[in-house]
Amino acid sequence: MTDEAMSPLRRRMIEDMTIRKLSPKTQQGYIRTIKNLAAFLGRSPDKASFEDVRRFQLHAAQSGVGTGALNATVAALRFFFRVTLKRSAIIEHTAFIHGPRKLPVVLSPDEVARFLDAAPAPVCAAPPSWGRHPQTFTIAEVARLIRSPHPPKLTLTEEW
């Protein structure tokens, strides 16, 4: 950050971030967010009210940015108001949001049967050097073995 024409408020925020050893990219992101807040308000961000911050968050959410960007905005606002301005009450109701969770792919019993039928050789026994119980291969392990350019020789054993 350059020293030319820097406001005391920005300098204070940079000092606060430096004291806490925030990374340069985090500092740049926080400064950008507070700069955007000032542009949104049309005045210094230290004069912002609870309603101003709420409107800014709504504006950010409606702009179509993703969950990560919205959470970065919340983190910057929390830092600015809690640490730099010591006005924790103003951001009391800001909350991080959670993105939708993706469900894992689960194969049906029919799909598992077709998958195992497609295996070139029985895969229920492994060389002793592998140190695994013969019947404890996961589907991912079987798939990795099948796709290998030089698959190991697997044998079916009757006893453990």
C-alpha atoms as a PDB file:
ATOM      1  CA  MET A   1       0.000   0.000   0.000  1.00  0.00           C
ATOM      2  CA  THR A   2       1.310   3.448  -0.845  1.00  0.00           C
ATOM      3  CA  ASP A   3       1.585   6.297   1.615  1.00  0.00           C
ATOM      4  CA  GLU A   4       0.554   9.066  -0.780  1.00  0.00           C
ATOM      5  CA  ALA A   5      -2.799  10.696   0.052  1.00  0.00           C
ATOM      6  CA  MET A   6      -3.855   7.946   2.465  1.00  0.00           C
ATOM      7  CA  SER A   7      -6.606   8.813   4.917  1.00  0.00           C
ATOM      8  CA  PRO A   8      -5.922   8.333   8.634  1.00  0.00           C
ATOM      9  CA  LEU A   9      -8.761   5.794   8.727  1.00  0.00           C
ATOM     10  CA  ARG A  10      -7.240   3.665   5.958  1.00  0.00           C
ATOM     11  CA  ARG A  11      -3.798   3.941   7.566  1.00  0.00           C
ATOM     12  CA  ARG A  12      -5.283   2.815  10.899  1.00  0.00           C
ATOM     13  CA  MET A  13      -6.987  -0.181   9.264  1.00  0.00           C
ATOM     14  CA  ILE A  14      -3.762  -1.199   7.493  1.00  0.00           C
ATOM     15  CA  GLU A  15      -1.853  -0.914  10.772  1.00  0.00           C
ATOM     16  CA  ASP A  16      -4.489  -3.057  12.516  1.00  0.00           C
ATOM     17  CA  MET A  17      -4.219  -5.696   9.791  1.00  0.00           C
ATOM     18  CA  THR A  18      -0.405  -5.597   9.924  1.00  0.00           C
ATOM     19  CA  ILE A  19      -0.403  -6.060  13.695  1.00  0.00           C
ATOM     20  CA  ARG A  20      -2.566  -9.148  13.222  1.00  0.00           C
ATOM     21  CA  LYS A  21      -0.308 -10.389  10.394  1.00  0.00           C
ATOM     22  CA  LEU A  22      -3.074 -10.666   7.816  1.00  0.00           C
ATOM     23  CA  SER A  23      -1.711 -11.690   4.430  1.00  0.00           C
ATOM     24  CA  PRO A  24      -1.219  -9.006   1.763  1.00  0.00           C
ATOM     25  CA  LYS A  25      -4.077 -10.440  -0.343  1.00  0.00           C
ATOM     26  CA  THR A  26      -6.416 -10.409   2.646  1.00  0.00           C
ATOM     27  CA  GLN A  27      -5.436  -6.814   3.374  1.00  0.00           C
ATOM     28  CA  GLN A  28      -6.077  -5.826  -0.247  1.00  0.00           C
ATOM     29  CA  GLY A  29      -9.463  -7.551  -0.170  1.00  0.00           C
ATOM     30  CA  TYR A  30     -10.489  -5.872   3.085  1.00  0.00           C
ATOM     31  CA  ILE A  31      -9.392  -2.445   1.826  1.00  0.00           C
ATOM     32  CA  ARG A  32     -11.295  -3.020  -1.447  1.00  0.00           C
ATOM     33  CA  THR A  33     -14.458  -3.949   0.473  1.00  0.00           C
ATOM     34  CA  ILE A  34     -14.314  -0.858   2.688  1.00  0.00           C
ATOM     35  CA  LYS A  35     -13.560   1.290  -0.361  1.00  0.00           C
ATOM     36  CA  ASN A  36     -16.661  -0.202  -2.035  1.00  0.00           C
ATOM     37  CA  LEU A  37     -18.675   0.535   1.110  1.00  0.00           C
ATOM     38  CA  ALA A  38     -17.549   4.179   1.006  1.00  0.00           C
ATOM     39  CA  ALA A  39     -18.471   4.416  -2.699  1.00  0.00           C
ATOM     40  CA  PHE A  40     -21.847   2.804  -2.011  1.00  0.00           C
ATOM     41  CA  LEU A  41     -22.568   5.242   0.836  1.00  0.00           C
ATOM     42  CA  GLY A  42     -21.072   8.286  -0.840  1.00  0.00           C
ATOM     43  CA  ARG A  43     -19.320   9.223   2.398  1.00  0.00           C
ATOM     44  CA  SER A  44     -16.702   8.009   4.836  1.00  0.00           C
ATOM     45  CA  PRO A  45     -17.399   4.426   5.980  1.00  0.00           C
ATOM     46  CA  ASP A  46     -16.778   5.312   9.636  1.00  0.00           C
ATOM     47  CA  LYS A  47     -20.076   7.250   9.554  1.00  0.00           C
ATOM     48  CA  ALA A  48     -22.047   4.174   8.485  1.00  0.00           C
ATOM     49  CA  SER A  49     -25.065   3.087  10.495  1.00  0.00           C
ATOM     50  CA  PHE A  50     -26.391  -0.419  11.049  1.00  0.00           C
ATOM     51  CA  GLU A  51     -28.927   0.167   8.273  1.00  0.00           C
ATOM     52  CA  ASP A  52     -26.175   1.354   5.899  1.00  0.00           C
ATOM     53  CA  VAL A  53     -24.201  -1.836   6.474  1.00  0.00           C
ATOM     54  CA  ARG A  54     -27.331  -3.918   5.991  1.00  0.00           C
ATOM     55  CA  ARG A  55     -28.124  -2.166   2.692  1.00  0.00           C
ATOM     56  CA  PHE A  56     -24.517  -2.674   1.538  1.00  0.00           C
ATOM     57  CA  GLN A  57     -24.730  -6.403   2.294  1.00  0.00           C
ATOM     58  CA  LEU A  58     -28.027  -6.608   0.420  1.00  0.00           C
ATOM     59  CA  HIS A  59     -26.442  -4.775  -2.509  1.00  0.00           C
ATOM     60  CA  ALA A  60     -23.518  -7.249  -2.507  1.00  0.00           C
ATOM     61  CA  ALA A  61     -25.858 -10.248  -2.342  1.00  0.00           C
ATOM     62  CA  GLN A  62     -28.010  -8.940  -5.204  1.00  0.00           C
ATOM     63  CA  SER A  63     -24.988  -8.277  -7.398  1.00  0.00           C
ATOM     64  CA  GLY A  64     -24.733 -12.018  -8.067  1.00  0.00           C
ATOM     65  CA  VAL A  65     -21.372 -12.752  -6.449  1.00  0.00           C
ATOM     66  CA  GLY A  66     -20.751 -16.169  -4.946  1.00  0.00           C
ATOM     67  CA  THR A  67     -20.771 -17.384  -1.388  1.00  0.00           C
ATOM     68  CA  GLY A  68     -17.015 -16.923  -0.985  1.00  0.00           C
ATOM     69  CA  ALA A  69     -17.117 -13.270  -2.041  1.00  0.00           C
ATOM     70  CA  LEU A  70     -20.069 -12.556   0.255  1.00  0.00           C
ATOM     71  CA  ASN A  71     -18.246 -14.163   3.179  1.00  0.00           C
ATOM     72  CA  ALA A  72     -15.110 -12.142   2.366  1.00  0.00           C
ATOM     73  CA  THR A  73     -17.271  -9.000   2.480  1.00  0.00           C
ATOM     74  CA  VAL A  74     -18.676  -9.993   5.876  1.00  0.00           C
ATOM     75  CA  ALA A  75     -15.160 -10.700   7.197  1.00  0.00           C
ATOM     76  CA  ALA A  76     -13.920  -7.294   6.009  1.00  0.00           C
ATOM     77  CA  LEU A  77     -16.895  -5.473   7.529  1.00  0.00           C
ATOM     78  CA  ARG A  78     -16.473  -7.310  10.821  1.00  0.00           C
ATOM     79  CA  PHE A  79     -12.776  -6.482  10.946  1.00  0.00           C
ATOM     80  CA  PHE A  80     -13.313  -2.821  10.068  1.00  0.00           C
ATOM     81  CA  PHE A  81     -16.106  -2.169  12.557  1.00  0.00           C
ATOM     82  CA  ARG A  82     -14.926  -4.439  15.374  1.00  0.00           C
ATOM     83  CA  VAL A  83     -11.152  -3.854  15.279  1.00  0.00           C
ATOM     84  CA  THR A  84     -10.506  -0.542  13.550  1.00  0.00           C
ATOM     85  CA  LEU A  85     -13.559   1.433  14.710  1.00  0.00           C
ATOM     86  CA  LYS A  86     -14.340  -0.513  17.911  1.00  0.00           C
ATOM     87  CA  ARG A  87     -18.059  -0.440  17.018  1.00  0.00           C
ATOM     88  CA  SER A  88     -18.971  -4.105  17.400  1.00  0.00           C
ATOM     89  CA  ALA A  89     -22.692  -3.473  17.792  1.00  0.00           C
ATOM     90  CA  ILE A  90     -23.026  -2.351  14.185  1.00  0.00           C
ATOM     91  CA  ILE A  91     -22.021  -5.755  12.813  1.00  0.00           C
ATOM     92  CA  GLU A  92     -23.706  -7.825  15.481  1.00  0.00           C
ATOM     93  CA  HIS A  93     -26.146  -9.303  12.984  1.00  0.00           C
ATOM     94  CA  THR A  94     -23.765  -9.985  10.113  1.00  0.00           C
ATOM     95  CA  ALA A  95     -23.455 -13.674   9.462  1.00  0.00           C
ATOM     96  CA  PHE A  96     -21.389 -15.882   7.220  1.00  0.00           C
ATOM     97  CA  ILE A  97     -23.441 -17.848   4.744  1.00  0.00           C
ATOM     98  CA  HIS A  98     -23.076 -21.463   3.751  1.00  0.00           C
ATOM     99  CA  GLY A  99     -23.124 -22.622   0.173  1.00  0.00           C
ATOM    100  CA  PRO A 100     -25.250 -25.546  -0.872  1.00  0.00           C
ATOM    101  CA  ARG A 101     -23.680 -28.870  -0.021  1.00  0.00           C
ATOM    102  CA  LYS A 102     -23.256 -31.411  -2.773  1.00  0.00           C
ATOM    103  CA  LEU A 103     -24.566 -34.865  -2.084  1.00  0.00           C
ATOM    104  CA  PRO A 104     -22.164 -37.732  -2.729  1.00  0.00           C
ATOM    105  CA  VAL A 105     -22.831 -40.016  -5.654  1.00  0.00           C
ATOM    106  CA  VAL A 106     -24.292 -43.255  -4.367  1.00  0.00           C
ATOM    107  CA  LEU A 107     -24.486 -46.250  -6.652  1.00  0.00           C
ATOM    108  CA  SER A 108     -27.606 -48.378  -6.688  1.00  0.00           C
ATOM    109  CA  PRO A 109     -27.209 -52.111  -6.007  1.00  0.00           C
ATOM    110  CA  ASP A 110     -27.758 -52.678  -9.738  1.00  0.00           C
ATOM    111  CA  GLU A 111     -24.957 -50.255 -10.663  1.00  0.00           C
ATOM    112  CA  VAL A 112     -22.587 -51.875  -8.156  1.00  0.00           C
ATOM    113  CA  ALA A 113     -23.333 -55.297  -9.619  1.00  0.00           C
ATOM    114  CA  ARG A 114     -22.688 -54.047 -13.176  1.00  0.00           C
ATOM    115  CA  PHE A 115     -19.475 -52.389 -12.024  1.00  0.00           C
ATOM    116  CA  LEU A 116     -18.183 -55.540 -10.360  1.00  0.00           C
ATOM    117  CA  ASP A 117     -19.220 -57.641 -13.363  1.00  0.00           C
ATOM    118  CA  ALA A 118     -17.104 -55.376 -15.568  1.00  0.00           C
ATOM    119  CA  ALA A 119     -13.977 -56.070 -13.487  1.00  0.00           C
ATOM    120  CA  PRO A 120     -11.506 -58.117 -15.593  1.00  0.00           C
ATOM    121  CA  ALA A 121     -10.515 -60.452 -12.775  1.00  0.00           C
ATOM    122  CA  PRO A 122     -11.605 -61.252  -9.239  1.00  0.00           C
ATOM    123  CA  VAL A 123     -10.331 -58.580  -6.910  1.00  0.00           C
ATOM    124  CA  CYS A 124     -11.044 -60.062  -3.529  1.00  0.00           C
ATOM    125  CA  ALA A 125      -7.489 -61.135  -2.750  1.00  0.00           C
ATOM    126  CA  ALA A 126      -4.298 -59.134  -2.821  1.00  0.00           C
ATOM    127  CA  PRO A 127      -0.614 -59.913  -2.494  1.00  0.00           C
ATOM    128  CA  PRO A 128       0.358 -60.224   1.193  1.00  0.00           C
ATOM    129  CA  SER A 129       2.655 -57.227   0.848  1.00  0.00           C
ATOM    130  CA  TRP A 130      -0.405 -54.990   0.543  1.00  0.00           C
ATOM    131  CA  GLY A 131      -1.344 -55.717   4.151  1.00  0.00           C
ATOM    132  CA  ARG A 132      -5.110 -55.587   3.563  1.00  0.00           C
ATOM    133  CA  HIS A 133      -7.787 -58.102   4.369  1.00  0.00           C
ATOM    134  CA  PRO A 134      -8.781 -59.716   1.053  1.00  0.00           C
ATOM    135  CA  GLN A 135     -12.369 -58.529   1.233  1.00  0.00           C
ATOM    136  CA  THR A 136     -11.782 -54.919   2.194  1.00  0.00           C
ATOM    137  CA  PHE A 137     -11.246 -53.246  -1.164  1.00  0.00           C
ATOM    138  CA  THR A 138     -13.295 -50.146  -1.735  1.00  0.00           C
ATOM    139  CA  ILE A 139     -14.907 -49.453  -5.092  1.00  0.00           C
ATOM    140  CA  ALA A 140     -12.426 -46.624  -5.634  1.00  0.00           C
ATOM    141  CA  GLU A 141      -9.529 -49.051  -5.055  1.00  0.00           C
ATOM    142  CA  VAL A 142     -11.001 -51.550  -7.502  1.00  0.00           C
ATOM    143  CA  ALA A 143     -11.493 -48.825 -10.095  1.00  0.00           C
ATOM    144  CA  ARG A 144      -7.917 -47.595  -9.625  1.00  0.00           C
ATOM    145  CA  LEU A 145      -6.598 -51.144 -10.033  1.00  0.00           C
ATOM    146  CA  ILE A 146      -8.679 -51.772 -13.131  1.00  0.00           C
ATOM    147  CA  ARG A 147      -7.575 -48.512 -14.774  1.00  0.00           C
ATOM    148  CA  SER A 148      -3.902 -49.071 -13.976  1.00  0.00           C
ATOM    149  CA  PRO A 149      -1.730 -49.645 -17.090  1.00  0.00           C
ATOM    150  CA  HIS A 150      -0.101 -52.589 -15.307  1.00  0.00           C
ATOM    151  CA  PRO A 151      -2.695 -54.005 -12.934  1.00  0.00           C
ATOM    152  CA  PRO A 152      -1.267 -56.294 -10.245  1.00  0.00           C
ATOM    153  CA  LYS A 153      -2.084 -59.987 -10.386  1.00  0.00           C
ATOM    154  CA  LEU A 154      -4.957 -60.612  -8.040  1.00  0.00           C
ATOM    155  CA  THR A 155      -5.979 -64.106  -7.031  1.00  0.00           C
ATOM    156  CA  LEU A 156      -9.058 -65.495  -5.409  1.00  0.00           C
ATOM    157  CA  THR A 157      -8.278 -67.262  -2.171  1.00  0.00           C
ATOM    158  CA  GLU A 158     -10.465 -69.556  -0.138  1.00  0.00           C
ATOM    159  CA  GLU A 159      -8.883 -68.814   3.223  1.00  0.00           C
ATOM    160  CA  TRP A 160      -7.495 -65.813   4.959  1.00  0.00           C
END
